[in-house]
Amino acid sequence: MVISIGGGSAVDAGKAIAAMLTNPGEVLDYLEIIGGGKALSKPSAPFIAIPTTAGTGSEVTRNAVLASPEHRLKVSLRSPSMLPTIALVDPGLTYDLPPGITASTGLDALTQVIEPYVSCPRKIQ
């Protein structure tokens, strides 16, 4: 079992760790763009997400955004099985955040909600 407590990066790291505990190979085998892009063949290990910020919504998504400093990119590891088993969401965990972090994570959440409405659909050829 994996438990992550923290912001979106900590929760995404937990999801990736839970997925790699049950799937063979290296994480690079499964990453989009810079890796093999293979599909995960087995469900992730049980995972509990405890977010402490309100910005990313990572506790309710089926992907983990991971940074690759070597490639200077952020890439995704995706699978329907990567949704956390349990998400313990307590707004009280955000009360001690510095005002700047509270503002930036709130704007992150707002941006993610607005983005689908202002993005142009692309045609698949």
C-alpha atoms as a PDB file:
ATOM      1  CA  MET A   1       0.000   0.000   0.000  1.00  0.00           C
ATOM      2  CA  VAL A   2       1.129   3.544  -0.753  1.00  0.00           C
ATOM      3  CA  ILE A   3      -0.007   6.679   1.102  1.00  0.00           C
ATOM      4  CA  SER A   4       0.820  10.170  -0.176  1.00  0.00           C
ATOM      5  CA  ILE A   5       0.328  13.326   1.841  1.00  0.00           C
ATOM      6  CA  GLY A   6       0.990  16.641   0.140  1.00  0.00           C
ATOM      7  CA  GLY A   7       0.363  18.651  -3.006  1.00  0.00           C
ATOM      8  CA  GLY A   8      -0.149  17.440  -6.526  1.00  0.00           C
ATOM      9  CA  SER A   9       3.452  16.374  -7.049  1.00  0.00           C
ATOM     10  CA  ALA A  10       3.428  14.210  -3.914  1.00  0.00           C
ATOM     11  CA  VAL A  11       0.120  12.618  -4.891  1.00  0.00           C
ATOM     12  CA  ASP A  12       1.317  12.009  -8.468  1.00  0.00           C
ATOM     13  CA  ALA A  13       4.521  10.437  -7.145  1.00  0.00           C
ATOM     14  CA  GLY A  14       2.430   8.140  -4.943  1.00  0.00           C
ATOM     15  CA  LYS A  15       0.293   7.075  -7.892  1.00  0.00           C
ATOM     16  CA  ALA A  16       3.386   6.301  -9.957  1.00  0.00           C
ATOM     17  CA  ILE A  17       4.964   4.328  -7.108  1.00  0.00           C
ATOM     18  CA  ALA A  18       1.750   2.328  -6.570  1.00  0.00           C
ATOM     19  CA  ALA A  19       1.619   1.531 -10.311  1.00  0.00           C
ATOM     20  CA  MET A  20       5.254   0.483 -10.480  1.00  0.00           C
ATOM     21  CA  LEU A  21       4.946  -1.776  -7.421  1.00  0.00           C
ATOM     22  CA  THR A  22       2.751  -4.144  -9.430  1.00  0.00           C
ATOM     23  CA  ASN A  23       4.041  -3.697 -12.988  1.00  0.00           C
ATOM     24  CA  PRO A  24       7.354  -5.030 -14.320  1.00  0.00           C
ATOM     25  CA  GLY A  25      10.127  -2.899 -15.754  1.00  0.00           C
ATOM     26  CA  GLU A  26      11.100   0.710 -15.278  1.00  0.00           C
ATOM     27  CA  VAL A  27       8.830   3.742 -15.158  1.00  0.00           C
ATOM     28  CA  LEU A  28      10.443   4.942 -18.409  1.00  0.00           C
ATOM     29  CA  ASP A  29       8.938   1.908 -20.147  1.00  0.00           C
ATOM     30  CA  TYR A  30       5.474   3.382 -19.531  1.00  0.00           C
ATOM     31  CA  LEU A  31       5.978   7.142 -19.918  1.00  0.00           C
ATOM     32  CA  GLU A  32       4.549   9.078 -22.839  1.00  0.00           C
ATOM     33  CA  ILE A  33       6.811  11.070 -25.208  1.00  0.00           C
ATOM     34  CA  ILE A  34      10.210  10.204 -23.671  1.00  0.00           C
ATOM     35  CA  GLY A  35       9.572   6.554 -22.823  1.00  0.00           C
ATOM     36  CA  GLY A  36       8.126   3.410 -24.321  1.00  0.00           C
ATOM     37  CA  GLY A  37       4.501   4.453 -23.793  1.00  0.00           C
ATOM     38  CA  LYS A  38       3.524   0.882 -22.874  1.00  0.00           C
ATOM     39  CA  ALA A  39       0.172   0.353 -21.162  1.00  0.00           C
ATOM     40  CA  LEU A  40       0.271  -0.796 -17.554  1.00  0.00           C
ATOM     41  CA  SER A  41      -0.717  -4.469 -17.544  1.00  0.00           C
ATOM     42  CA  LYS A  42      -1.675  -4.823 -13.877  1.00  0.00           C
ATOM     43  CA  PRO A  43      -3.737  -2.718 -11.487  1.00  0.00           C
ATOM     44  CA  SER A  44      -1.835  -0.411  -9.165  1.00  0.00           C
ATOM     45  CA  ALA A  45      -1.204  -1.323  -5.548  1.00  0.00           C
ATOM     46  CA  PRO A  46      -3.761   0.136  -3.121  1.00  0.00           C
ATOM     47  CA  PHE A  47      -3.174   3.875  -2.855  1.00  0.00           C
ATOM     48  CA  ILE A  48      -4.454   6.511  -0.435  1.00  0.00           C
ATOM     49  CA  ALA A  49      -4.157  10.161  -1.451  1.00  0.00           C
ATOM     50  CA  ILE A  50      -4.296  12.905   1.178  1.00  0.00           C
ATOM     51  CA  PRO A  51      -4.041  16.262  -0.606  1.00  0.00           C
ATOM     52  CA  THR A  52      -2.873  19.292   1.363  1.00  0.00           C
ATOM     53  CA  THR A  53      -3.424  21.863  -1.397  1.00  0.00           C
ATOM     54  CA  ALA A  54      -6.457  22.657  -3.519  1.00  0.00           C
ATOM     55  CA  GLY A  55      -4.861  23.133  -6.918  1.00  0.00           C
ATOM     56  CA  THR A  56      -4.231  20.060  -9.009  1.00  0.00           C
ATOM     57  CA  GLY A  57      -7.065  17.666  -8.289  1.00  0.00           C
ATOM     58  CA  SER A  58      -4.499  14.888  -8.579  1.00  0.00           C
ATOM     59  CA  GLU A  59      -6.430  12.837  -6.027  1.00  0.00           C
ATOM     60  CA  VAL A  60      -9.214  12.342  -8.601  1.00  0.00           C
ATOM     61  CA  THR A  61      -7.232  11.729 -11.804  1.00  0.00           C
ATOM     62  CA  ARG A  62      -5.946   8.592 -13.490  1.00  0.00           C
ATOM     63  CA  ASN A  63      -2.521   9.893 -14.399  1.00  0.00           C
ATOM     64  CA  ALA A  64       0.677  11.022 -12.767  1.00  0.00           C
ATOM     65  CA  VAL A  65       2.643  13.943 -14.133  1.00  0.00           C
ATOM     66  CA  LEU A  66       6.346  13.270 -13.627  1.00  0.00           C
ATOM     67  CA  ALA A  67       9.286  15.581 -14.281  1.00  0.00           C
ATOM     68  CA  SER A  68      12.270  14.413 -16.277  1.00  0.00           C
ATOM     69  CA  PRO A  69      15.072  16.909 -15.588  1.00  0.00           C
ATOM     70  CA  GLU A  70      17.257  15.132 -18.137  1.00  0.00           C
ATOM     71  CA  HIS A  71      14.714  15.868 -20.891  1.00  0.00           C
ATOM     72  CA  ARG A  72      13.536  19.163 -19.356  1.00  0.00           C
ATOM     73  CA  LEU A  73       9.935  17.933 -19.674  1.00  0.00           C
ATOM     74  CA  LYS A  74       6.974  16.893 -17.617  1.00  0.00           C
ATOM     75  CA  VAL A  75       5.345  13.745 -18.963  1.00  0.00           C
ATOM     76  CA  SER A  76       2.446  11.529 -17.959  1.00  0.00           C
ATOM     77  CA  LEU A  77       2.054   7.989 -16.769  1.00  0.00           C
ATOM     78  CA  ARG A  78      -1.595   7.067 -17.433  1.00  0.00           C
ATOM     79  CA  SER A  79      -3.910   4.192 -16.635  1.00  0.00           C
ATOM     80  CA  PRO A  80      -7.505   3.783 -15.482  1.00  0.00           C
ATOM     81  CA  SER A  81      -6.113   1.713 -12.598  1.00  0.00           C
ATOM     82  CA  MET A  82      -4.128   4.683 -11.246  1.00  0.00           C
ATOM     83  CA  LEU A  83      -7.131   6.361  -9.649  1.00  0.00           C
ATOM     84  CA  PRO A  84      -6.469   6.400  -5.886  1.00  0.00           C
ATOM     85  CA  THR A  85      -8.291   3.727  -3.920  1.00  0.00           C
ATOM     86  CA  ILE A  86      -9.232   6.341  -1.306  1.00  0.00           C
ATOM     87  CA  ALA A  87      -8.899  10.119  -1.347  1.00  0.00           C
ATOM     88  CA  LEU A  88      -9.099  11.732   2.082  1.00  0.00           C
ATOM     89  CA  VAL A  89      -9.919  15.364   1.336  1.00  0.00           C
ATOM     90  CA  ASP A  90      -9.981  17.642   4.374  1.00  0.00           C
ATOM     91  CA  PRO A  91     -10.001  21.396   3.699  1.00  0.00           C
ATOM     92  CA  GLY A  92      -8.505  21.867   7.163  1.00  0.00           C
ATOM     93  CA  LEU A  93      -5.206  20.538   5.826  1.00  0.00           C
ATOM     94  CA  THR A  94      -4.872  23.683   3.706  1.00  0.00           C
ATOM     95  CA  TYR A  95      -5.323  26.195   6.543  1.00  0.00           C
ATOM     96  CA  ASP A  96      -1.635  26.455   7.412  1.00  0.00           C
ATOM     97  CA  LEU A  97      -0.445  27.052   3.846  1.00  0.00           C
ATOM     98  CA  PRO A  98       1.251  30.394   3.196  1.00  0.00           C
ATOM     99  CA  PRO A  99      -1.066  32.861   1.411  1.00  0.00           C
ATOM    100  CA  GLY A 100       1.006  32.723  -1.795  1.00  0.00           C
ATOM    101  CA  ILE A 101       0.663  28.935  -2.045  1.00  0.00           C
ATOM    102  CA  THR A 102      -3.065  29.155  -1.327  1.00  0.00           C
ATOM    103  CA  ALA A 103      -3.466  31.733  -4.097  1.00  0.00           C
ATOM    104  CA  SER A 104      -1.362  29.866  -6.656  1.00  0.00           C
ATOM    105  CA  THR A 105      -3.070  26.509  -6.059  1.00  0.00           C
ATOM    106  CA  GLY A 106      -6.480  28.184  -6.229  1.00  0.00           C
ATOM    107  CA  LEU A 107      -5.554  29.788  -9.551  1.00  0.00           C
ATOM    108  CA  ASP A 108      -4.281  26.394 -10.753  1.00  0.00           C
ATOM    109  CA  ALA A 109      -7.690  24.866 -10.017  1.00  0.00           C
ATOM    110  CA  LEU A 110      -9.490  27.776 -11.690  1.00  0.00           C
ATOM    111  CA  THR A 111      -7.280  27.522 -14.783  1.00  0.00           C
ATOM    112  CA  GLN A 112      -7.953  23.792 -15.119  1.00  0.00           C
ATOM    113  CA  VAL A 113     -11.700  24.426 -15.023  1.00  0.00           C
ATOM    114  CA  ILE A 114     -11.574  27.278 -17.563  1.00  0.00           C
ATOM    115  CA  GLU A 115      -9.158  25.577 -19.987  1.00  0.00           C
ATOM    116  CA  PRO A 116     -11.681  23.200 -21.629  1.00  0.00           C
ATOM    117  CA  TYR A 117     -14.002  26.097 -22.400  1.00  0.00           C
ATOM    118  CA  VAL A 118     -11.418  28.256 -24.134  1.00  0.00           C
ATOM    119  CA  SER A 119      -9.446  25.534 -25.936  1.00  0.00           C
ATOM    120  CA  CYS A 120     -10.144  24.867 -29.575  1.00  0.00           C
ATOM    121  CA  PRO A 121     -11.074  21.285 -30.400  1.00  0.00           C
ATOM    122  CA  ARG A 122      -8.563  19.699 -32.727  1.00  0.00           C
ATOM    123  CA  LYS A 123      -9.502  17.597 -35.682  1.00  0.00           C
ATOM    124  CA  ILE A 124      -8.153  14.074 -35.801  1.00  0.00           C
ATOM    125  CA  GLN A 125      -7.150  13.128 -39.309  1.00  0.00           C
END
